[in-house]
Amino acid sequence: MMLALAFIVTLVGHALASPALKVISFGTTSGGFDAPARGWNSFGIQANNVVSDWKFDQAHVQTQCDVLSSKLSAGNYTYCSLDSGWSMGSDGDSYGRIIPDTTVFPNLAGLAAHLHSSGLQLGVYVVPGGFIADTNKTIYGTSTKIGSVCTGDNGLKRCNWDYSQGATQQWFNSVANQFASWGIDFIKLDYITPGSPSNGVYLRADASGEVIAWRKAIDQCGRKIRLDISWKLDRSQKNFAIWNQNADSMRTDQDINNSGSNTFVAWATVQRAIENYRQWISAGSQYFSTINVRPDLDNLYASNEPSISGISYAEQQTMMSHWIGAGANLILGDDLTRLNSFGTYVLTHPAAQAVTSFTAKYPMQPRNPGSGGNSPKQVQAWIAGPSPSGEAVVLLVNYGPDQGQGGFGTKNSGSQHLVISYDDLGVKAPYRVFDVWNDNYWGDVSTGLSVNIAEGQSFLLHLTRP
């Protein structure tokens, strides 16, 4: 199910040389992953009033996640990730370890086994600190009371760990080992600082030690578990290096969902998420040639009717193209029981899957039409690669008027004409251009591209040498 987009392709000249393109690549993450996670997360449905009969419990989650294996296996969507509310919120087991709330998830290990039997994987949500209510409990395998190495109140009913103490690491190890025994495959670690702005609690200024401790704990547990850290994390060189060395993916923005609304997301928020990715890749490209941590742009909404998702099909397709181009986690937040034909198309399209494999190695970065710069623009171009063979991916997009958080500020309505030369993109001609979503070759284009693009629409192009 393609979206028909009017386009023209012409030869494009360019008078002034654009800045050289620094090709950015992804390396293997600290957890040993060479591609971003794909799957589904429960928070979109939990936080919005989209599914009237929804209850966050084992049965309802399993129903959602079974769609991944029954209808989306061609897209390799395997992670079924539980967000906040799956565990006891104020205390743990006799050793202060995190445990399920059995009133909603009576058999977490059984859920993991069910998912694994279908080729799926289970994720869980955690926040920093030990339980304040558990300070008199002894850390597993030690004689140390939690309260002697974990003090204060971070506002989440949890104390702050002293990461310099060996017993603290033993607590993390004991929790990771228990997670591994249950069959956990993914950990979303939220409320990490520096970052997590406007959090409404009392987080310590720097909780990066939590990320390092979880990395060590996962490494020793004997199971390959992804570590995703959240949210809108600091991008200074010092902290970016910590995330790069210890996490598999990191959130680049705040929550993207329409909290409490009867639709999942708004286009204004998608514009904000894209702008935050632009800032993230611009910072990362200054510090690294190879980035080891993947961006997490938050949940993706691309498989429900516009009346449910909150954005049009064209905007859903543009959202999908951005998440793909960024080499980001493709974690859906939709109601998968209402997966439609358009959603199935964009989530499993073979040509898009090939692009996803490429951008898992080369994340896209902005290249402004007419200059090759990287500032925010309403009508924008992005490029991933090129690889040593010259292969590249290009995204051309018209975001429509800035709705307040897009970064570019302009409010030009209607279809826009985008002209970009290969010099703007930082590559050398010629290229054979394939329009991914429309399954259409534009042929061998020798100089550059010129396209008409409606508001919210985009072209995802796969470029190869003739």
Protein backbone atom coordinates (compact mmCIF):
# COMPACT_ATOMS: atom_id res chain seq x y z
CA MET A 1 0.00 0.00 0.00
CA MET A 2 2.06 2.92 -1.27
CA LEU A 3 1.37 6.62 -0.94
CA ALA A 4 1.31 8.32 -4.32
CA LEU A 5 3.68 11.28 -4.31
CA ALA A 6 4.14 13.64 -7.21
CA PHE A 7 7.80 14.10 -8.07
CA ILE A 8 10.13 15.25 -10.77
CA VAL A 9 13.80 14.49 -11.12
CA THR A 10 16.10 16.94 -12.85
CA LEU A 11 19.78 17.66 -13.15
CA VAL A 12 20.90 20.06 -10.46
CA GLY A 13 23.90 22.32 -10.52
CA HIS A 14 25.71 23.89 -7.57
CA ALA A 15 27.94 26.94 -7.65
CA LEU A 16 29.69 26.81 -4.27
CA ALA A 17 31.37 23.79 -2.73
CA SER A 18 29.60 22.34 0.33
CA PRO A 19 31.50 21.22 3.44
CA ALA A 20 33.05 17.76 3.24
CA LEU A 21 30.87 14.92 4.50
CA LYS A 22 32.23 13.06 7.52
CA VAL A 23 30.84 9.55 7.16
CA ILE A 24 29.56 8.26 10.50
CA SER A 25 29.21 4.55 11.14
CA PHE A 26 27.78 2.40 13.91
CA GLY A 27 29.98 -0.11 15.70
CA THR A 28 29.00 -3.08 17.84
CA THR A 29 27.34 -1.94 21.06
CA SER A 30 28.79 -2.64 24.50
CA GLY A 31 26.29 -5.48 24.81
CA GLY A 32 27.40 -7.05 21.54
CA PHE A 33 24.56 -5.93 19.24
CA ASP A 34 25.06 -4.93 15.59
CA ALA A 35 21.52 -3.76 14.85
CA PRO A 36 18.83 -1.80 16.71
CA ALA A 37 16.01 -3.47 18.61
CA ARG A 38 12.63 -3.94 16.95
CA GLY A 39 9.39 -4.79 18.67
CA TRP A 40 6.62 -3.28 20.79
CA ASN A 41 6.42 -1.38 24.09
CA SER A 42 3.35 -1.06 26.31
CA PHE A 43 3.69 2.59 27.33
CA GLY A 44 1.73 4.09 24.43
CA ILE A 45 -1.39 2.17 25.38
CA GLN A 46 -0.77 2.59 29.10
CA ALA A 47 -0.41 6.39 28.92
CA ASN A 48 -3.17 7.17 26.41
CA ASN A 49 -6.92 6.59 26.27
CA VAL A 50 -6.81 4.84 22.92
CA VAL A 51 -7.84 1.31 23.88
CA SER A 52 -11.04 1.45 25.93
CA ASP A 53 -10.84 -2.04 27.41
CA TRP A 54 -7.09 -2.03 28.02
CA LYS A 55 -5.67 -3.37 31.24
CA PHE A 56 -1.94 -3.57 31.81
CA ASP A 57 -1.60 -7.21 32.71
CA GLN A 58 -0.04 -10.40 31.42
CA ALA A 59 -2.99 -11.49 29.29
CA HIS A 60 -3.43 -8.17 27.49
CA VAL A 61 0.30 -7.76 26.87
CA GLN A 62 0.55 -11.29 25.50
CA THR A 63 -2.32 -10.58 23.09
CA GLN A 64 -0.49 -7.53 21.75
CA CYS A 65 2.85 -9.27 21.46
CA ASP A 66 1.49 -12.35 19.74
CA VAL A 67 0.82 -10.05 16.75
CA LEU A 68 4.58 -9.54 16.40
CA SER A 69 5.09 -13.22 15.65
CA SER A 70 1.86 -13.82 13.73
CA LYS A 71 1.88 -10.77 11.43
CA LEU A 72 5.20 -8.92 11.68
CA SER A 73 7.81 -11.65 11.67
CA ALA A 74 8.93 -10.52 8.19
CA GLY A 75 10.06 -7.28 9.78
CA ASN A 76 11.97 -9.04 12.58
CA TYR A 77 9.99 -7.31 15.34
CA THR A 78 10.88 -9.49 18.30
CA TYR A 79 10.97 -7.48 21.54
CA CYS A 80 7.90 -7.35 23.77
CA SER A 81 8.75 -4.64 26.30
CA LEU A 82 6.82 -4.00 29.52
CA ASP A 83 6.89 -0.43 30.77
CA SER A 84 6.33 0.88 34.29
CA GLY A 85 3.90 -1.03 36.47
CA TRP A 86 5.03 -4.62 35.86
CA SER A 87 7.02 -4.78 39.12
CA MET A 88 6.44 -4.07 42.78
CA GLY A 89 6.78 -0.30 43.08
CA SER A 90 7.87 0.13 46.68
CA ASP A 91 9.77 -2.97 47.78
CA GLY A 92 11.48 -6.08 46.54
CA ASP A 93 12.03 -9.66 47.65
CA SER A 94 13.83 -10.68 50.86
CA TYR A 95 17.11 -9.41 49.36
CA GLY A 96 15.67 -6.17 48.02
CA ARG A 97 15.71 -7.40 44.43
CA ILE A 98 13.15 -6.21 41.86
CA ILE A 99 10.24 -8.64 41.52
CA PRO A 100 6.99 -8.73 39.50
CA ASP A 101 3.69 -7.47 40.83
CA THR A 102 1.99 -10.85 40.68
CA THR A 103 -1.48 -9.27 40.72
CA VAL A 104 -0.84 -8.16 37.12
CA PHE A 105 2.00 -10.45 35.99
CA PRO A 106 1.48 -13.68 37.90
CA ASN A 107 4.01 -15.67 35.88
CA LEU A 108 6.65 -13.48 34.28
CA ALA A 109 8.95 -16.40 33.54
CA GLY A 110 5.99 -18.13 31.87
CA LEU A 111 5.39 -15.06 29.71
CA ALA A 112 9.06 -15.07 28.72
CA ALA A 113 8.86 -18.78 27.83
CA HIS A 114 5.74 -18.18 25.74
CA LEU A 115 7.41 -15.36 23.84
CA HIS A 116 10.62 -17.31 23.33
CA SER A 117 8.66 -20.22 21.89
CA SER A 118 7.42 -17.83 19.17
CA GLY A 119 10.82 -16.30 18.47
CA LEU A 120 10.10 -13.21 20.59
CA GLN A 121 11.95 -11.64 23.51
CA LEU A 122 10.86 -10.00 26.77
CA GLY A 123 11.80 -6.55 28.03
CA VAL A 124 11.22 -4.87 31.40
CA TYR A 125 11.36 -1.34 32.83
CA VAL A 126 13.48 -0.23 35.80
CA VAL A 127 14.43 3.06 37.51
CA PRO A 128 17.52 4.04 39.53
CA GLY A 129 18.12 3.15 43.15
CA GLY A 130 17.24 0.53 45.72
CA PHE A 131 13.92 0.47 47.55
CA ILE A 132 13.81 2.76 50.59
CA ALA A 133 11.51 0.22 52.25
CA ASP A 134 14.24 -2.41 51.88
CA THR A 135 17.14 -0.59 53.58
CA ASN A 136 17.21 -3.16 56.42
CA LYS A 137 17.46 -6.09 54.02
CA THR A 138 20.77 -7.75 53.24
CA ILE A 139 22.13 -7.71 49.68
CA TYR A 140 22.21 -11.22 48.22
CA GLY A 141 25.58 -12.93 48.65
CA THR A 142 26.85 -10.36 51.14
CA SER A 143 26.44 -9.37 54.77
CA THR A 144 25.78 -5.75 53.79
CA LYS A 145 22.51 -3.99 54.56
CA ILE A 146 21.08 -2.02 51.66
CA GLY A 147 20.80 1.06 53.87
CA SER A 148 24.55 1.17 54.45
CA VAL A 149 25.27 1.69 50.73
CA CYS A 150 22.03 3.33 49.54
CA THR A 151 20.74 6.52 51.14
CA GLY A 152 18.42 9.48 50.57
CA ASP A 153 15.26 9.68 48.48
CA ASN A 154 15.22 10.23 44.70
CA GLY A 155 11.45 10.71 44.63
CA LEU A 156 10.74 7.27 43.18
CA LYS A 157 10.49 5.49 46.57
CA ARG A 158 14.14 4.64 46.09
CA CYS A 159 17.44 5.56 47.68
CA ASN A 160 20.65 6.54 45.90
CA TRP A 161 23.38 3.92 45.59
CA ASP A 162 26.99 4.51 46.54
CA TYR A 163 28.55 3.08 43.36
CA SER A 164 32.02 2.96 44.92
CA GLN A 165 30.98 0.11 47.23
CA GLY A 166 31.46 -3.48 46.09
CA ALA A 167 28.22 -4.52 47.78
CA THR A 168 26.34 -2.07 45.55
CA GLN A 169 27.58 -3.88 42.45
CA GLN A 170 26.58 -7.16 44.09
CA TRP A 171 22.99 -5.89 44.28
CA PHE A 172 22.98 -5.07 40.57
CA ASN A 173 24.54 -8.46 39.79
CA SER A 174 21.93 -10.28 41.86
CA VAL A 175 19.07 -8.51 40.08
CA ALA A 176 20.57 -9.11 36.62
CA ASN A 177 21.10 -12.78 37.47
CA GLN A 178 17.49 -13.12 38.56
CA PHE A 179 16.30 -11.35 35.40
CA ALA A 180 18.39 -13.75 33.35
CA SER A 181 16.88 -16.74 35.15
CA TRP A 182 13.40 -15.48 34.20
CA GLY A 183 14.39 -15.06 30.55
CA ILE A 184 14.57 -11.25 30.35
CA ASP A 185 16.16 -9.97 27.12
CA PHE A 186 15.84 -6.17 27.32
CA ILE A 187 16.08 -3.61 30.13
CA LYS A 188 14.74 -0.07 29.77
CA LEU A 189 16.50 2.02 32.43
CA ASP A 190 14.59 5.28 32.92
CA TYR A 191 15.17 8.53 34.87
CA ILE A 192 18.90 8.65 34.12
CA THR A 193 20.81 11.89 34.61
CA PRO A 194 22.45 14.06 33.36
CA GLY A 195 19.25 14.20 31.34
CA SER A 196 15.65 13.35 32.24
CA PRO A 197 14.62 17.03 32.32
CA SER A 198 11.44 18.26 34.06
CA ASN A 199 11.18 14.89 35.80
CA GLY A 200 9.03 15.98 38.76
CA VAL A 201 11.07 14.00 41.31
CA TYR A 202 14.38 14.48 43.15
CA LEU A 203 16.96 12.76 40.98
CA ARG A 204 20.64 13.19 41.76
CA ALA A 205 22.43 15.39 39.23
CA ASP A 206 24.50 12.51 37.88
CA ALA A 207 23.17 8.94 37.81
CA SER A 208 25.57 7.74 35.12
CA GLY A 209 26.97 5.28 37.67
CA GLU A 210 23.66 3.42 37.44
CA VAL A 211 24.27 2.77 33.74
CA ILE A 212 27.81 1.55 34.38
CA ALA A 213 26.63 -0.75 37.19
CA TRP A 214 23.89 -2.27 35.01
CA ARG A 215 26.41 -2.81 32.20
CA LYS A 216 28.72 -4.73 34.54
CA ALA A 217 25.81 -6.71 35.96
CA ILE A 218 24.53 -7.71 32.53
CA ASP A 219 28.01 -8.68 31.38
CA GLN A 220 28.38 -11.17 34.24
CA CYS A 221 24.85 -12.65 34.17
CA GLY A 222 25.40 -15.11 31.32
CA ARG A 223 22.54 -13.83 29.16
CA LYS A 224 22.62 -11.35 26.28
CA ILE A 225 20.39 -8.51 27.48
CA ARG A 226 19.99 -5.13 25.78
CA LEU A 227 20.33 -2.01 27.92
CA ASP A 228 18.27 0.98 26.77
CA ILE A 229 18.70 4.18 28.81
CA SER A 230 16.27 7.09 29.07
CA TRP A 231 15.46 9.98 28.64
CA LYS A 232 16.78 12.96 26.60
CA LEU A 233 20.24 12.22 27.91
CA ASP A 234 23.02 14.77 28.10
CA ARG A 235 25.06 15.01 24.88
CA SER A 236 28.22 16.62 26.22
CA GLN A 237 31.37 14.76 25.20
CA LYS A 238 31.99 13.43 28.72
CA ASN A 239 28.55 11.91 29.18
CA PHE A 240 28.05 10.86 25.56
CA ALA A 241 31.21 8.78 26.00
CA ILE A 242 29.71 7.07 29.08
CA TRP A 243 26.50 6.22 27.24
CA ASN A 244 28.53 5.08 24.22
CA GLN A 245 30.63 2.71 26.33
CA ASN A 246 27.89 1.23 28.51
CA ALA A 247 24.47 1.29 26.83
CA ASP A 248 23.08 -0.38 23.71
CA SER A 249 20.66 2.47 22.97
CA MET A 250 19.84 5.88 24.45
CA ARG A 251 16.77 8.09 24.34
CA THR A 252 17.28 11.30 22.42
CA ASP A 253 14.01 12.97 23.46
CA GLN A 254 11.31 13.04 26.11
CA ASP A 255 8.15 10.91 25.85
CA ILE A 256 6.61 11.25 22.43
CA ASN A 257 3.09 10.01 23.18
CA ASN A 258 -0.02 12.16 23.76
CA SER A 259 -0.38 11.40 27.45
CA GLY A 260 -4.04 11.02 28.43
CA SER A 261 -5.31 11.64 24.90
CA ASN A 262 -7.48 9.48 22.64
CA THR A 263 -4.75 9.43 19.98
CA PHE A 264 -1.18 8.20 20.31
CA VAL A 265 0.96 11.04 18.98
CA ALA A 266 0.90 14.54 17.45
CA TRP A 267 2.87 15.74 14.43
CA ALA A 268 4.25 18.64 16.50
CA THR A 269 5.86 16.10 18.84
CA VAL A 270 7.25 14.08 15.94
CA GLN A 271 8.84 17.29 14.65
CA ARG A 272 10.43 17.72 18.08
CA ALA A 273 11.72 14.14 18.12
CA ILE A 274 13.31 14.60 14.70
CA GLU A 275 14.96 17.86 15.81
CA ASN A 276 16.35 16.09 18.89
CA TYR A 277 17.81 13.38 16.69
CA ARG A 278 19.41 16.09 14.51
CA GLN A 279 21.05 17.50 17.62
CA TRP A 280 22.12 14.02 18.76
CA ILE A 281 23.79 13.00 15.49
CA SER A 282 25.38 16.43 15.11
CA ALA A 283 26.94 16.08 18.57
CA GLY A 284 27.95 12.46 18.04
CA SER A 285 29.62 13.24 14.74
CA GLN A 286 31.84 15.79 16.49
CA TYR A 287 33.10 13.25 19.03
CA PHE A 288 33.22 9.99 17.08
CA SER A 289 33.68 8.49 13.66
CA THR A 290 32.13 5.28 14.95
CA ILE A 291 29.24 5.46 17.41
CA ASN A 292 28.57 2.35 19.50
CA VAL A 293 25.30 3.34 21.17
CA ARG A 294 22.12 3.43 19.06
CA PRO A 295 19.63 6.30 19.21
CA ASP A 296 16.21 5.64 20.68
CA LEU A 297 13.73 8.19 19.32
CA ASP A 298 10.98 6.70 21.55
CA ASN A 299 8.04 4.61 20.43
CA LEU A 300 7.14 4.49 16.75
CA TYR A 301 3.52 4.96 15.64
CA ALA A 302 3.07 3.64 12.12
CA SER A 303 0.51 0.83 12.08
CA ASN A 304 -2.91 2.19 13.03
CA GLU A 305 -5.55 4.33 11.32
CA PRO A 306 -4.87 8.10 11.51
CA SER A 307 -7.86 8.50 13.83
CA ILE A 308 -6.02 6.23 16.28
CA SER A 309 -2.40 7.22 15.69
CA GLY A 310 -3.10 10.97 15.56
CA ILE A 311 -1.04 11.55 12.40
CA SER A 312 -1.80 10.97 8.73
CA TYR A 313 -0.55 8.01 6.71
CA ALA A 314 1.98 10.29 4.98
CA GLU A 315 3.25 11.47 8.38
CA GLN A 316 3.40 7.89 9.66
CA GLN A 317 5.49 6.94 6.64
CA THR A 318 7.78 9.94 7.21
CA MET A 319 8.08 8.98 10.88
CA MET A 320 9.00 5.43 9.88
CA SER A 321 11.56 6.73 7.39
CA HIS A 322 13.21 8.88 10.05
CA TRP A 323 13.40 6.06 12.60
CA ILE A 324 14.87 3.79 9.90
CA GLY A 325 17.30 6.42 8.63
CA ALA A 326 18.57 7.12 12.13
CA GLY A 327 19.39 3.46 12.69
CA ALA A 328 17.17 3.83 15.75
CA ASN A 329 15.21 1.27 17.75
CA LEU A 330 12.01 0.38 15.91
CA ILE A 331 9.84 -0.17 18.97
CA LEU A 332 6.14 0.23 18.18
CA GLY A 333 3.70 1.83 20.58
CA ASP A 334 0.55 1.13 18.57
CA ASP A 335 -2.46 -1.04 19.33
CA LEU A 336 -1.25 -4.07 17.41
CA THR A 337 -4.67 -5.71 17.58
CA ARG A 338 -5.72 -2.98 15.11
CA LEU A 339 -2.72 -3.35 12.81
CA ASN A 340 -3.89 -2.37 9.32
CA SER A 341 -2.67 -3.04 5.78
CA PHE A 342 -0.75 0.22 5.59
CA GLY A 343 1.05 -0.59 8.83
CA THR A 344 1.93 -4.07 7.64
CA TYR A 345 3.24 -2.55 4.41
CA VAL A 346 5.61 -0.03 6.00
CA LEU A 347 6.74 -2.34 8.79
CA THR A 348 7.63 -5.29 6.54
CA HIS A 349 8.34 -3.75 3.12
CA PRO A 350 11.32 -5.67 1.63
CA ALA A 351 13.06 -2.62 0.14
CA ALA A 352 12.69 -0.74 3.42
CA GLN A 353 14.14 -3.74 5.24
CA ALA A 354 17.20 -3.53 3.01
CA VAL A 355 17.55 0.16 3.88
CA THR A 356 17.21 -0.69 7.57
CA SER A 357 20.11 -3.12 7.26
CA PHE A 358 22.22 -0.37 5.70
CA THR A 359 21.36 2.30 8.29
CA ALA A 360 22.12 -0.20 11.06
CA LYS A 361 25.71 0.44 9.90
CA TYR A 362 25.48 4.08 8.78
CA PRO A 363 23.15 6.57 10.56
CA MET A 364 21.81 9.45 8.53
CA GLN A 365 22.86 13.04 9.15
CA PRO A 366 21.37 16.33 7.88
CA ARG A 367 22.64 18.04 4.73
CA ASN A 368 20.89 21.32 3.99
CA PRO A 369 19.78 21.86 0.39
CA GLY A 370 21.88 24.58 -1.19
CA SER A 371 24.70 24.55 1.35
CA GLY A 372 25.34 21.06 2.73
CA GLY A 373 25.04 22.42 6.28
CA ASN A 374 23.39 20.65 9.22
CA SER A 375 21.02 23.27 10.64
CA PRO A 376 17.28 22.53 11.06
CA LYS A 377 15.23 23.19 7.93
CA GLN A 378 11.56 22.80 7.04
CA VAL A 379 12.53 21.27 3.70
CA GLN A 380 15.44 19.02 4.53
CA ALA A 381 17.74 16.36 3.15
CA TRP A 382 19.54 13.62 5.07
CA ILE A 383 22.20 11.12 4.02
CA ALA A 384 23.39 7.83 5.49
CA GLY A 385 26.76 6.62 4.27
CA PRO A 386 28.14 6.33 1.72
CA SER A 387 29.72 2.93 2.24
CA PRO A 388 33.11 2.12 0.67
CA SER A 389 31.24 0.84 -2.42
CA GLY A 390 29.41 4.18 -2.71
CA GLU A 391 26.02 2.90 -1.51
CA ALA A 392 23.98 5.52 0.37
CA VAL A 393 20.50 6.26 1.67
CA VAL A 394 18.92 9.69 1.25
CA LEU A 395 15.78 11.07 2.87
CA LEU A 396 14.09 14.16 1.39
CA VAL A 397 11.31 15.65 3.50
CA ASN A 398 8.92 18.57 3.94
CA TYR A 399 7.95 18.79 7.61
CA GLY A 400 5.28 21.40 6.97
CA PRO A 401 4.97 24.51 9.16
CA ASP A 402 6.92 24.40 12.43
CA GLN A 403 4.32 23.62 15.10
CA GLY A 404 6.46 24.99 17.89
CA GLN A 405 9.23 22.49 18.54
CA GLY A 406 10.65 21.64 15.12
CA GLY A 407 13.66 23.90 15.46
CA PHE A 408 13.44 25.37 11.97
CA GLY A 409 10.86 28.07 12.73
CA THR A 410 9.44 28.54 9.23
CA LYS A 411 5.74 28.05 8.51
CA ASN A 412 5.51 27.60 4.74
CA SER A 413 2.30 25.78 3.91
CA GLY A 414 1.54 23.44 1.03
CA SER A 415 3.82 21.53 -1.30
CA GLN A 416 7.45 22.65 -1.36
CA HIS A 417 10.11 22.27 -4.03
CA LEU A 418 13.37 20.73 -2.80
CA VAL A 419 16.53 21.00 -4.89
CA ILE A 420 19.70 19.26 -3.74
CA SER A 421 22.92 18.55 -5.56
CA TYR A 422 25.25 15.65 -4.91
CA ASP A 423 27.74 18.26 -3.73
CA ASP A 424 25.18 19.36 -1.11
CA LEU A 425 24.90 15.73 -0.02
CA GLY A 426 28.68 15.37 0.07
CA VAL A 427 28.93 12.58 -2.52
CA LYS A 428 30.09 12.23 -6.10
CA ALA A 429 27.92 11.46 -9.13
CA PRO A 430 26.52 9.37 -10.70
CA TYR A 431 23.93 7.36 -8.77
CA ARG A 432 21.14 4.96 -9.57
CA VAL A 433 18.20 6.14 -7.47
CA PHE A 434 15.49 3.84 -6.11
CA ASP A 435 12.37 5.33 -4.49
CA VAL A 436 11.80 2.83 -1.67
CA TRP A 437 8.17 3.34 -0.64
CA ASN A 438 6.92 3.74 -4.22
CA ASP A 439 9.00 0.78 -5.51
CA ASN A 440 10.21 2.88 -8.38
CA TYR A 441 13.60 3.45 -10.01
CA TRP A 442 14.27 7.05 -10.99
CA GLY A 443 17.09 5.78 -13.16
CA ASP A 444 20.71 6.95 -13.28
CA VAL A 445 20.82 10.53 -12.02
CA SER A 446 24.08 12.28 -12.84
CA THR A 447 24.04 15.51 -10.81
CA GLY A 448 21.35 15.86 -8.15
CA LEU A 449 17.69 15.75 -7.29
CA SER A 450 14.69 18.05 -7.54
CA VAL A 451 11.37 17.02 -6.00
CA ASN A 452 7.99 18.45 -5.08
CA ILE A 453 6.96 17.31 -1.59
CA ALA A 454 3.64 17.88 0.19
CA GLU A 455 3.41 18.75 3.88
CA GLY A 456 4.47 15.87 6.11
CA GLN A 457 5.59 13.76 3.16
CA SER A 458 9.03 12.46 2.27
CA PHE A 459 11.03 10.34 -0.15
CA LEU A 460 13.23 7.52 1.14
CA LEU A 461 15.83 6.86 -1.55
CA HIS A 462 18.35 4.02 -1.89
CA LEU A 463 21.35 5.11 -3.93
CA THR A 464 23.75 2.69 -5.61
CA ARG A 465 26.42 3.04 -8.24
CA PRO A 466 25.29 2.35 -11.85
